[in-house]
Each structure stands twice: as structure tokens, then as C-alpha cells.
Amino acid sequence: MVFKSKQDKFAALLINISENLKVSADYFADFKLNNISDLKVFSDTMKDYEHKGDSFVHETIKELNNAFITPIEREDILLLSMTMDDVLDGLESTSALFEMYSVINADEYMLKFVDAIKDCAYEIEKSVSLLTNKKKFTQIREHAIKIKDLESHCDTILRQSIKNLFTVEKDPIRIIQYKEIYENLEDIADNCQSVANALETIVMKNA
């Protein structure tokens, strides 16, 4: 059994979560930080996106608890919704770090991370939209592979960023702050890979 259409309540909720994640990643990547006051706007807006995502997840859990039969296994619906939510939680917590540490100028490594994460969010949204069409399940695998490739790229960025940080930065406080931001961004990429794994599990069970 699979989702019969995008009007299926579980399909609609998963699509809502993925679309909210995509919009959130767009905002995170494209917002221009010009001064300290922008950091609060940035952080507060990401918190709003995170709250919206939480409401979709809570609604999904409520529907799962009330449903006698689900289109796919309920634990797979839950896992996919929770892993997508983890990505958004990571973006929100990283925006809070930018505000807490007063980081206005993202360096080249942060920008590389953010570009990769934004690409992951797009791949996730495309994948989830395909769950209602069993004939296109093979395409979901293709998107999942792209997400995993992007995560691997982020592993490389992390190594490069930390090596550069310890080479050029002399301020120990700034080293601590930037290292935490780099690691948070790489954790988000790891969470994107968890979404890819959840998608592949659904495809494997239902193709």
C-alpha cells in the first residue's frame, strides 16, 4: 500500500513538512546579515519556521495515533517526519548561534555548508512529493543518493574549515565559536542523510 494521492492526510502532512523545510532553508541561505540587529530578525524568523514545522509533526503524530490503518507503515511515516524536523531544528539552532556569537559575516566555509544544505532541502522536497506516485519511486532513490553525496561533501568542508580555522585564527574565543558553528552545520547535513535513509527504507518496503 502507498499514498493514493497528495490529498491523503499523511501525504499532505509530509509534503507540508518538506515544503516548510525547503522555504526555511531558502531563508537561511539567502538572508543578508548587515548588522547586529539583523541577527535577531534572522534567529526569530528561523524560530517561527521551526515552530511551524513542529506543528506539522505534532499533527502527524496525532493522526498516526488515531488511524487504524495507514498507507505505509506508521513507524516509517513517523521516522520521515521526525528526521525532516531534525534538519529544521538544526537550522534554527545554528541561527541562534549566529545571534549568540554576533557573527555577521559568514566565511567561505559556512557559505559552502549552507549551499549544500539548501540543495539537500530541495532534494528532500522533491523526494517527498514523489511518494504519492509509485511509478516514480526509483526517482526517489536518485534524490536520496544526491543527498548522501552532498553530506559527504559537507564532511570534506568540515575538515577543511577546521584546518583553516586553526591555521589562520589567533583568537581562541573565535576558534571555539566558529568550530561550533561548523560542527552544527555538518550535523545538519548528517540529519539530511537520515532523511535520505528514511526515504530509501520506504521505497524498499513499498516499491
Protein backbone atom coordinates (compact mmCIF):
# COMPACT_ATOMS: atom_id res chain seq x y z
CA MET A 1 0.00 0.00 0.00
CA VAL A 2 1.21 3.55 -0.78
CA PHE A 3 -0.23 7.06 -0.60
CA LYS A 4 -3.04 7.20 -3.14
CA SER A 5 -2.73 10.95 -3.78
CA LYS A 6 -1.40 14.21 -2.37
CA GLN A 7 -4.79 14.61 -0.71
CA ASP A 8 -4.07 11.65 1.58
CA LYS A 9 -3.81 13.24 5.04
CA PHE A 10 -0.41 11.68 5.78
CA ALA A 11 0.97 12.53 2.36
CA ALA A 12 -0.28 16.10 2.78
CA LEU A 13 1.37 16.43 6.18
CA LEU A 14 4.71 15.05 4.95
CA ILE A 15 4.56 17.40 1.97
CA ASN A 16 3.82 20.31 4.30
CA ILE A 17 6.84 19.41 6.45
CA SER A 18 9.13 19.12 3.42
CA GLU A 19 7.90 22.36 1.84
CA ASN A 20 8.31 24.25 5.10
CA LEU A 21 11.85 22.85 5.36
CA LYS A 22 12.64 23.99 1.81
CA VAL A 23 11.33 27.52 2.47
CA SER A 24 13.25 27.63 5.76
CA ALA A 25 16.48 26.54 4.09
CA ASP A 26 15.95 29.18 1.39
CA TYR A 27 15.53 31.86 4.03
CA PHE A 28 18.55 30.64 5.99
CA ALA A 29 20.73 30.66 2.87
CA ASP A 30 19.52 33.93 1.35
CA PHE A 31 19.07 36.24 4.35
CA LYS A 32 21.60 39.07 4.29
CA LEU A 33 23.22 39.90 7.64
CA ASN A 34 24.33 43.53 7.59
CA ASN A 35 24.41 44.44 11.27
CA ILE A 36 23.85 43.07 14.78
CA SER A 37 20.12 43.89 14.76
CA ASP A 38 19.69 41.65 11.69
CA LEU A 39 20.81 38.67 13.75
CA LYS A 40 17.71 38.82 15.96
CA VAL A 41 15.41 39.05 12.94
CA PHE A 42 17.24 36.09 11.40
CA SER A 43 17.06 33.98 14.57
CA ASP A 44 13.43 34.89 15.37
CA THR A 45 12.26 34.09 11.84
CA MET A 46 14.01 30.72 11.89
CA LYS A 47 12.32 30.04 15.24
CA ASP A 48 8.96 30.76 13.59
CA TYR A 49 9.72 28.28 10.80
CA GLU A 50 10.78 25.73 13.41
CA HIS A 51 7.53 26.20 15.34
CA LYS A 52 5.54 25.75 12.14
CA GLY A 53 7.42 22.54 11.42
CA ASP A 54 6.76 21.30 14.94
CA SER A 55 3.03 21.89 14.49
CA PHE A 56 3.03 19.70 11.37
CA VAL A 57 4.93 16.95 13.19
CA HIS A 58 2.58 17.09 16.17
CA GLU A 59 -0.40 16.84 13.81
CA THR A 60 1.22 13.85 12.10
CA ILE A 61 1.70 12.08 15.44
CA LYS A 62 -1.91 12.83 16.40
CA GLU A 63 -3.19 11.39 13.11
CA LEU A 64 -0.98 8.31 13.49
CA ASN A 65 -2.38 7.69 16.96
CA ASN A 66 -5.95 7.98 15.65
CA ALA A 67 -5.52 5.96 12.45
CA PHE A 68 -6.46 2.29 12.37
CA ILE A 69 -4.75 1.71 9.01
CA THR A 70 -2.01 3.83 7.43
CA PRO A 71 -0.97 3.91 3.74
CA ILE A 72 2.59 2.86 4.65
CA GLU A 73 3.94 1.59 7.96
CA ARG A 74 3.28 4.14 10.68
CA GLU A 75 6.84 3.96 12.01
CA ASP A 76 8.13 4.96 8.55
CA ILE A 77 5.79 7.96 8.42
CA LEU A 78 6.94 8.95 11.90
CA LEU A 79 10.62 8.46 11.09
CA LEU A 80 10.43 10.54 7.91
CA SER A 81 8.60 13.37 9.65
CA MET A 82 10.99 13.35 12.62
CA THR A 83 14.16 13.28 10.52
CA MET A 84 12.94 16.20 8.41
CA ASP A 85 12.13 18.04 11.63
CA ASP A 86 15.68 17.37 12.87
CA VAL A 87 17.06 19.21 9.83
CA LEU A 88 14.91 22.25 10.57
CA ASP A 89 15.79 22.11 14.27
CA GLY A 90 19.46 22.19 13.26
CA LEU A 91 18.97 25.25 11.06
CA GLU A 92 17.14 27.05 13.85
CA SER A 93 19.78 26.22 16.48
CA THR A 94 22.54 27.38 14.13
CA SER A 95 20.77 30.69 13.53
CA ALA A 96 20.66 31.09 17.32
CA LEU A 97 24.43 30.51 17.45
CA PHE A 98 24.97 33.28 14.91
CA GLU A 99 23.00 35.64 17.13
CA MET A 100 24.61 34.48 20.37
CA TYR A 101 28.13 34.91 19.00
CA SER A 102 27.30 38.07 16.99
CA VAL A 103 28.55 36.51 13.75
CA ILE A 104 27.52 38.80 10.88
CA ASN A 105 30.00 37.81 8.19
CA ALA A 106 29.69 34.15 7.28
CA ASP A 107 33.01 32.87 5.94
CA GLU A 108 33.50 30.83 2.76
CA TYR A 109 33.17 27.52 4.60
CA MET A 110 29.87 28.45 6.23
CA LEU A 111 28.57 29.51 2.83
CA LYS A 112 29.63 26.18 1.30
CA PHE A 113 27.85 24.30 4.09
CA VAL A 114 24.70 26.36 3.65
CA ASP A 115 24.64 25.89 -0.12
CA ALA A 116 24.91 22.11 0.31
CA ILE A 117 22.20 22.04 2.98
CA LYS A 118 19.90 24.15 0.81
CA ASP A 119 20.45 21.69 -2.05
CA CYS A 120 19.61 18.83 0.34
CA ALA A 121 16.35 20.54 1.33
CA TYR A 122 15.39 20.80 -2.34
CA GLU A 123 16.17 17.13 -2.91
CA ILE A 124 14.10 16.20 0.16
CA GLU A 125 11.11 18.23 -1.01
CA LYS A 126 11.27 16.65 -4.47
CA SER A 127 11.52 13.15 -2.96
CA VAL A 128 8.56 13.56 -0.62
CA SER A 129 6.40 14.89 -3.46
CA LEU A 130 7.12 11.65 -5.36
CA LEU A 131 5.83 9.39 -2.57
CA THR A 132 2.31 9.57 -4.00
CA ASN A 133 3.41 8.09 -7.34
CA LYS A 134 4.65 4.52 -7.07
CA LYS A 135 5.85 4.63 -10.68
CA LYS A 136 8.37 7.31 -9.69
CA PHE A 137 9.81 5.54 -6.65
CA THR A 138 13.07 4.91 -8.50
CA GLN A 139 13.48 8.68 -8.79
CA ILE A 140 13.31 8.94 -5.00
CA ARG A 141 16.40 6.75 -4.82
CA GLU A 142 18.19 9.13 -7.20
CA HIS A 143 17.39 12.10 -4.97
CA ALA A 144 18.48 10.15 -1.88
CA ILE A 145 21.84 9.42 -3.50
CA LYS A 146 22.29 13.14 -4.25
CA ILE A 147 21.58 13.95 -0.59
CA LYS A 148 24.19 11.43 0.53
CA ASP A 149 26.72 12.88 -1.91
CA LEU A 150 26.05 16.37 -0.50
CA GLU A 151 26.52 15.05 3.04
CA SER A 152 29.85 13.54 2.03
CA HIS A 153 30.84 16.90 0.56
CA CYS A 154 30.00 18.51 3.91
CA ASP A 155 32.36 16.06 5.65
CA THR A 156 35.13 17.41 3.43
CA ILE A 157 34.12 21.01 4.11
CA LEU A 158 34.26 20.35 7.86
CA ARG A 159 37.81 19.03 7.68
CA GLN A 160 38.91 21.93 5.50
CA SER A 161 37.19 24.54 7.66
CA ILE A 162 38.67 23.35 10.95
CA LYS A 163 42.14 23.00 9.46
CA ASN A 164 41.92 26.55 8.13
CA LEU A 165 40.50 27.86 11.41
CA PHE A 166 43.40 26.56 13.48
CA THR A 167 45.86 27.82 10.88
CA VAL A 168 44.71 31.43 10.45
CA GLU A 169 42.65 32.38 13.52
CA LYS A 170 44.55 33.66 16.55
CA ASP A 171 41.62 34.49 18.82
CA PRO A 172 40.85 31.38 20.95
CA ILE A 173 37.28 32.54 21.62
CA ARG A 174 36.60 32.93 17.92
CA ILE A 175 38.08 29.49 17.29
CA ILE A 176 35.63 27.96 19.76
CA GLN A 177 32.68 29.85 18.27
CA TYR A 178 33.43 29.11 14.63
CA LYS A 179 34.24 25.47 15.30
CA GLU A 180 30.86 25.03 16.98
CA ILE A 181 29.07 26.63 14.02
CA TYR A 182 30.96 24.43 11.53
CA GLU A 183 30.11 21.30 13.51
CA ASN A 184 26.46 22.32 13.81
CA LEU A 185 26.24 22.78 10.06
CA GLU A 186 27.82 19.38 9.45
CA ASP A 187 25.32 17.84 11.89
CA ILE A 188 22.50 19.29 9.77
CA ALA A 189 23.98 17.55 6.73
CA ASP A 190 24.06 14.31 8.76
CA ASN A 191 20.37 14.82 9.53
CA CYS A 192 19.69 15.26 5.81
CA GLN A 193 21.33 11.90 5.23
CA SER A 194 19.00 10.40 7.85
CA VAL A 195 16.08 11.72 5.80
CA ALA A 196 17.56 10.04 2.73
CA ASN A 197 17.84 6.77 4.65
CA ALA A 198 14.21 7.03 5.76
CA LEU A 199 13.11 7.65 2.18
CA GLU A 200 15.09 4.66 0.92
CA THR A 201 13.51 2.46 3.59
CA ILE A 202 10.04 3.50 2.41
CA VAL A 203 10.94 2.81 -1.22
CA MET A 204 12.44 -0.58 -0.34
CA LYS A 205 9.32 -1.66 1.55
CA ASN A 206 6.76 -0.33 -0.93
CA ALA A 207 8.29 -0.44 -4.42
